[in-house]
Amino acid sequence: MIKVFLKNKLAFSGLIIIILISLFAILAPAINHYAPDEIDIGNYLCPPSYEHWLGTDLLGRDLFSRMAYGARISLCVGFISVSIVVIIGIFFGSIAGYYGGKIDTLIMRFVDIMLCFPRFILILSIIAMLEPSIFIVMVVIGLTSWMGIARLVRAEILSLKERDFVQAARACGVGDVKIILQHLVPNAMGPVIVSATLGVAAAILLESSLSFLGLGVQPPTPSWGNILMDAKSCLGIAWWMSVFPGVAIFITVIGYNLLGEGLRDLFLTKK
């Protein structure tokens, strides 16, 4: 499997991008000489230089430092929200696929209802009624994005539950919960891993959009989205404030998408 993955140059490139972005976030305290909220009015809107590698913002804060700490926030939101998505999706998908009948119909109709709402508008509506924060953003993204995982898990389990190893487990008196958790869900994780990888990219992009609109991570906590929001008022005179966070979002999303496509090819080859 590893050899097949390494032969996929695009997927391997995506993995390298993700590793580099993750190191950039993890090593933020070690590679920065400035705190992300350190204000220096005398050096506001300075272009990239030896002292400030990516320039400074309207308050003289070092943009490189804010980008590094913002990477932590963006990746954290992506991972935690997708973890919520996977947990809820596996729960509902496995129950619907295993038991079928009225339970399956009820859960799938609920999924259809959730899919009828435009997700971004739904998230905006929910967050607008609550106080925007990192925690709220992660939870709301997770609670409104699990339907695709549920459908994937349901489809896999509908196929797997008729296999011989499941029938043998039933014949041995193994309970339903144990069959689902030990036999069905592990064998259905291939598509889930692919979807979760792509979901991290979508969650990062969604968090950036919410922060850009002022409904996501709130200042002074840095995130790539609210750095872009600060750049709106000085687009013509401080190009670095919009270019660097925009490129960071683009590269990160591309990295996760490439990795997801590579994992999809890997699991298809395995089958």
Protein backbone atom coordinates (compact mmCIF):
# COMPACT_ATOMS: atom_id res chain seq x y z
CA MET A 1 0.00 0.00 0.00
CA ILE A 2 2.79 2.42 0.89
CA LYS A 3 4.56 1.75 -2.43
CA VAL A 4 1.34 2.45 -4.34
CA PHE A 5 0.87 5.71 -2.42
CA LEU A 6 4.46 6.85 -2.99
CA LYS A 7 4.08 6.26 -6.74
CA ASN A 8 1.25 8.81 -6.78
CA LYS A 9 3.30 12.01 -7.07
CA LEU A 10 0.35 14.35 -6.54
CA ALA A 11 -0.75 12.56 -3.35
CA PHE A 12 2.81 12.51 -2.03
CA SER A 13 3.10 16.23 -2.80
CA GLY A 14 -0.11 16.82 -0.83
CA LEU A 15 1.33 14.91 2.14
CA ILE A 16 4.54 16.99 2.05
CA ILE A 17 2.48 20.22 1.95
CA ILE A 18 0.43 19.10 4.96
CA ILE A 19 3.55 18.13 6.91
CA LEU A 20 5.19 21.50 6.21
CA ILE A 21 2.07 23.47 7.15
CA SER A 22 1.71 21.40 10.33
CA LEU A 23 5.35 22.02 11.29
CA PHE A 24 4.83 25.73 10.61
CA ALA A 25 1.95 25.68 13.12
CA ILE A 26 3.58 23.42 15.73
CA LEU A 27 6.86 25.35 15.76
CA ALA A 28 5.18 28.77 15.87
CA PRO A 29 6.60 29.74 19.31
CA ALA A 30 10.12 28.65 18.34
CA ILE A 31 10.38 30.36 14.94
CA ASN A 32 8.88 33.73 15.88
CA HIS A 33 10.59 36.66 17.57
CA TYR A 34 7.29 38.52 18.02
CA ALA A 35 4.06 37.64 19.79
CA PRO A 36 1.07 37.49 17.42
CA ASP A 37 -0.71 40.27 19.35
CA GLU A 38 2.35 42.48 19.93
CA ILE A 39 1.39 45.98 18.77
CA ASP A 40 3.95 48.41 17.36
CA ILE A 41 2.17 51.46 15.94
CA GLY A 42 5.47 52.93 14.79
CA ASN A 43 5.89 50.03 12.32
CA TYR A 44 2.37 49.70 10.94
CA LEU A 45 1.94 48.47 7.34
CA CYS A 46 5.64 47.81 6.83
CA PRO A 47 6.35 45.73 3.69
CA PRO A 48 8.22 42.40 3.96
CA SER A 49 11.74 42.95 5.22
CA TYR A 50 14.55 41.25 7.11
CA GLU A 51 13.01 42.35 10.42
CA HIS A 52 9.43 41.41 9.48
CA TRP A 53 9.57 38.62 6.90
CA LEU A 54 5.94 38.97 5.78
CA GLY A 55 5.49 42.62 6.76
CA THR A 56 3.20 44.07 9.43
CA ASP A 57 -0.51 44.89 9.66
CA LEU A 58 -2.48 48.02 10.54
CA LEU A 59 -1.43 47.81 14.20
CA GLY A 60 2.21 46.99 13.52
CA ARG A 61 1.80 43.31 14.42
CA ASP A 62 4.22 40.92 12.74
CA LEU A 63 2.36 39.10 9.95
CA PHE A 64 4.66 36.06 9.95
CA SER A 65 3.88 35.48 13.62
CA ARG A 66 0.15 35.91 13.07
CA MET A 67 0.26 33.56 10.10
CA ALA A 68 2.04 30.87 12.13
CA TYR A 69 -0.34 31.09 15.08
CA GLY A 70 -3.25 31.41 12.64
CA ALA A 71 -2.19 28.08 11.10
CA ARG A 72 -2.68 26.50 14.51
CA ILE A 73 -6.22 27.83 14.73
CA SER A 74 -7.16 26.84 11.17
CA LEU A 75 -5.76 23.31 11.47
CA CYS A 76 -7.33 22.86 14.91
CA VAL A 77 -10.74 23.89 13.59
CA GLY A 78 -10.32 21.54 10.63
CA PHE A 79 -9.33 18.49 12.66
CA ILE A 80 -11.79 18.88 15.53
CA SER A 81 -14.79 19.72 13.33
CA VAL A 82 -14.04 16.74 11.07
CA SER A 83 -13.69 14.51 14.14
CA ILE A 84 -17.21 15.54 15.15
CA VAL A 85 -18.40 14.89 11.58
CA VAL A 86 -16.86 11.39 11.53
CA ILE A 87 -18.26 10.39 14.92
CA ILE A 88 -21.82 11.50 14.12
CA GLY A 89 -21.68 10.17 10.55
CA ILE A 90 -20.44 6.73 11.62
CA PHE A 91 -23.06 6.55 14.39
CA PHE A 92 -26.07 7.30 12.19
CA GLY A 93 -24.73 5.54 9.09
CA SER A 94 -23.91 2.30 10.89
CA ILE A 95 -27.30 2.15 12.62
CA ALA A 96 -29.18 2.88 9.39
CA GLY A 97 -27.17 0.37 7.37
CA TYR A 98 -27.23 -2.45 9.92
CA TYR A 99 -30.83 -2.36 11.09
CA GLY A 100 -32.49 -1.13 7.87
CA GLY A 101 -36.28 -0.97 7.68
CA LYS A 102 -38.04 1.90 9.45
CA ILE A 103 -34.90 2.97 11.31
CA ASP A 104 -33.02 3.30 8.02
CA THR A 105 -35.89 5.22 6.42
CA LEU A 106 -36.19 7.60 9.38
CA ILE A 107 -32.46 8.37 9.52
CA MET A 108 -32.10 8.78 5.76
CA ARG A 109 -35.10 11.11 5.55
CA PHE A 110 -33.51 13.21 8.30
CA VAL A 111 -30.28 13.26 6.27
CA ASP A 112 -32.25 14.37 3.21
CA ILE A 113 -33.86 17.19 5.20
CA MET A 114 -30.45 18.36 6.44
CA LEU A 115 -29.09 18.31 2.90
CA CYS A 116 -31.96 20.52 1.71
CA PHE A 117 -30.55 23.49 3.63
CA PRO A 118 -27.65 25.39 2.03
CA ARG A 119 -24.89 24.54 4.49
CA PHE A 120 -23.12 27.89 4.50
CA ILE A 121 -26.38 29.80 5.02
CA LEU A 122 -27.37 27.37 7.79
CA ILE A 123 -24.02 27.84 9.54
CA LEU A 124 -24.25 31.62 9.20
CA SER A 125 -27.74 31.59 10.70
CA ILE A 126 -26.73 29.44 13.68
CA ILE A 127 -23.55 31.38 14.46
CA ALA A 128 -25.37 34.72 14.07
CA MET A 129 -27.70 33.64 16.90
CA LEU A 130 -24.77 32.64 19.14
CA GLU A 131 -21.62 34.39 20.29
CA PRO A 132 -18.90 33.69 17.68
CA SER A 133 -15.92 31.77 19.07
CA ILE A 134 -13.51 29.01 18.05
CA PHE A 135 -15.53 26.43 19.97
CA ILE A 136 -18.84 27.48 18.40
CA VAL A 137 -17.32 27.43 14.90
CA MET A 138 -15.93 23.90 15.34
CA VAL A 139 -19.14 22.49 16.80
CA VAL A 140 -21.44 24.13 14.25
CA ILE A 141 -19.31 22.97 11.30
CA GLY A 142 -19.30 19.45 12.75
CA LEU A 143 -23.05 19.34 13.42
CA THR A 144 -23.94 20.52 9.90
CA SER A 145 -21.51 18.45 7.82
CA TRP A 146 -21.91 14.79 8.84
CA MET A 147 -24.52 13.72 6.26
CA GLY A 148 -22.06 12.65 3.56
CA ILE A 149 -20.14 10.40 5.98
CA ALA A 150 -23.43 8.86 7.16
CA ARG A 151 -24.39 7.97 3.59
CA LEU A 152 -20.97 6.47 2.88
CA VAL A 153 -20.99 4.34 6.04
CA ARG A 154 -24.56 3.20 5.41
CA ALA A 155 -23.74 2.10 1.87
CA GLU A 156 -20.65 0.18 3.01
CA ILE A 157 -22.46 -1.56 5.86
CA LEU A 158 -25.41 -2.55 3.64
CA SER A 159 -22.87 -4.49 1.59
CA LEU A 160 -20.74 -5.79 4.44
CA LYS A 161 -23.53 -7.08 6.69
CA GLU A 162 -24.34 -9.87 4.24
CA ARG A 163 -20.75 -11.16 4.15
CA ASP A 164 -19.84 -14.55 5.57
CA PHE A 165 -17.76 -13.20 8.46
CA VAL A 166 -20.74 -11.22 9.76
CA GLN A 167 -23.06 -14.21 9.43
CA ALA A 168 -20.50 -16.31 11.30
CA ALA A 169 -20.33 -13.74 14.09
CA ARG A 170 -24.13 -13.78 14.41
CA ALA A 171 -24.12 -17.59 14.49
CA CYS A 172 -21.64 -17.47 17.37
CA GLY A 173 -24.02 -15.23 19.35
CA VAL A 174 -22.07 -12.00 19.01
CA GLY A 175 -24.26 -8.97 19.85
CA ASP A 176 -25.26 -6.29 17.38
CA VAL A 177 -23.14 -3.56 18.98
CA LYS A 178 -20.03 -5.74 18.91
CA ILE A 179 -20.64 -6.74 15.29
CA ILE A 180 -21.02 -3.09 14.27
CA LEU A 181 -18.00 -1.81 16.20
CA GLN A 182 -15.57 -4.70 15.68
CA HIS A 183 -16.52 -6.12 12.29
CA LEU A 184 -18.47 -3.61 10.19
CA VAL A 185 -17.15 -0.13 11.02
CA PRO A 186 -13.42 -1.03 10.69
CA ASN A 187 -14.09 -2.52 7.25
CA ALA A 188 -16.04 0.57 6.20
CA MET A 189 -13.35 3.07 7.15
CA GLY A 190 -11.67 3.36 3.73
CA PRO A 191 -14.18 5.80 2.18
CA VAL A 192 -14.54 7.54 5.55
CA ILE A 193 -10.81 8.32 5.73
CA VAL A 194 -10.88 9.75 2.20
CA SER A 195 -13.96 11.85 2.95
CA ALA A 196 -12.50 13.05 6.27
CA THR A 197 -9.26 14.13 4.57
CA LEU A 198 -11.19 16.16 2.02
CA GLY A 199 -13.41 17.40 4.85
CA VAL A 200 -10.47 18.98 6.68
CA ALA A 201 -9.79 21.15 3.63
CA ALA A 202 -13.48 22.12 3.42
CA ALA A 203 -13.59 22.95 7.14
CA ILE A 204 -10.48 25.17 6.91
CA LEU A 205 -11.97 26.99 3.94
CA LEU A 206 -15.30 27.37 5.75
CA GLU A 207 -13.66 28.68 8.93
CA SER A 208 -11.68 31.19 6.87
CA SER A 209 -14.87 32.36 5.16
CA LEU A 210 -16.66 32.78 8.50
CA SER A 211 -13.72 34.64 10.05
CA PHE A 212 -13.50 36.87 6.98
CA LEU A 213 -17.15 37.80 7.55
CA GLY A 214 -16.51 38.46 11.25
CA LEU A 215 -18.51 35.42 12.42
CA GLY A 216 -15.65 33.03 13.05
CA VAL A 217 -12.52 33.33 15.18
CA GLN A 218 -12.62 36.72 16.86
CA PRO A 219 -9.68 39.16 17.08
CA PRO A 220 -7.14 39.48 18.58
CA THR A 221 -6.84 35.68 18.15
CA PRO A 222 -5.27 35.30 14.70
CA SER A 223 -6.66 33.09 11.97
CA TRP A 224 -6.06 33.23 8.26
CA GLY A 225 -9.65 34.37 7.72
CA ASN A 226 -9.58 37.36 10.06
CA ILE A 227 -6.15 38.38 8.76
CA LEU A 228 -7.82 38.63 5.35
CA MET A 229 -10.65 40.60 6.95
CA ASP A 230 -8.11 43.12 8.28
CA ALA A 231 -6.62 43.37 4.78
CA LYS A 232 -9.87 44.64 3.23
CA SER A 233 -9.25 48.23 4.30
CA CYS A 234 -5.75 48.44 2.81
CA LEU A 235 -5.81 46.33 -0.34
CA GLY A 236 -4.29 49.07 -2.47
CA ILE A 237 -1.40 49.94 -0.17
CA ALA A 238 -0.49 46.68 1.63
CA TRP A 239 -0.63 43.77 -0.83
CA TRP A 240 1.16 41.42 1.58
CA MET A 241 -1.75 41.41 4.03
CA SER A 242 -4.05 39.71 1.54
CA VAL A 243 -1.58 37.73 -0.56
CA PHE A 244 0.14 35.68 2.16
CA PRO A 245 -2.96 34.43 4.04
CA GLY A 246 -4.73 33.83 0.73
CA VAL A 247 -1.82 31.75 -0.57
CA ALA A 248 -1.64 29.84 2.74
CA ILE A 249 -5.33 28.90 2.55
CA PHE A 250 -4.97 27.93 -1.11
CA ILE A 251 -1.89 25.75 -0.57
CA THR A 252 -3.36 24.03 2.52
CA VAL A 253 -6.65 23.23 0.79
CA ILE A 254 -4.81 21.95 -2.29
CA GLY A 255 -2.59 19.78 -0.07
CA TYR A 256 -5.52 18.07 1.64
CA ASN A 257 -7.38 17.63 -1.64
CA LEU A 258 -4.34 16.02 -3.28
CA LEU A 259 -3.87 13.71 -0.29
CA GLY A 260 -7.55 12.79 -0.33
CA GLU A 261 -7.45 11.94 -4.03
CA GLY A 262 -4.33 9.85 -3.45
CA LEU A 263 -5.97 7.93 -0.61
CA ARG A 264 -9.03 7.33 -2.80
CA ASP A 265 -6.82 5.81 -5.50
CA LEU A 266 -5.04 3.74 -2.85
CA PHE A 267 -8.24 2.22 -1.49
CA LEU A 268 -9.57 1.57 -5.00
CA THR A 269 -6.34 -0.25 -5.84
CA LYS A 270 -6.64 -2.25 -2.64
CA LYS A 271 -10.12 -3.40 -3.62
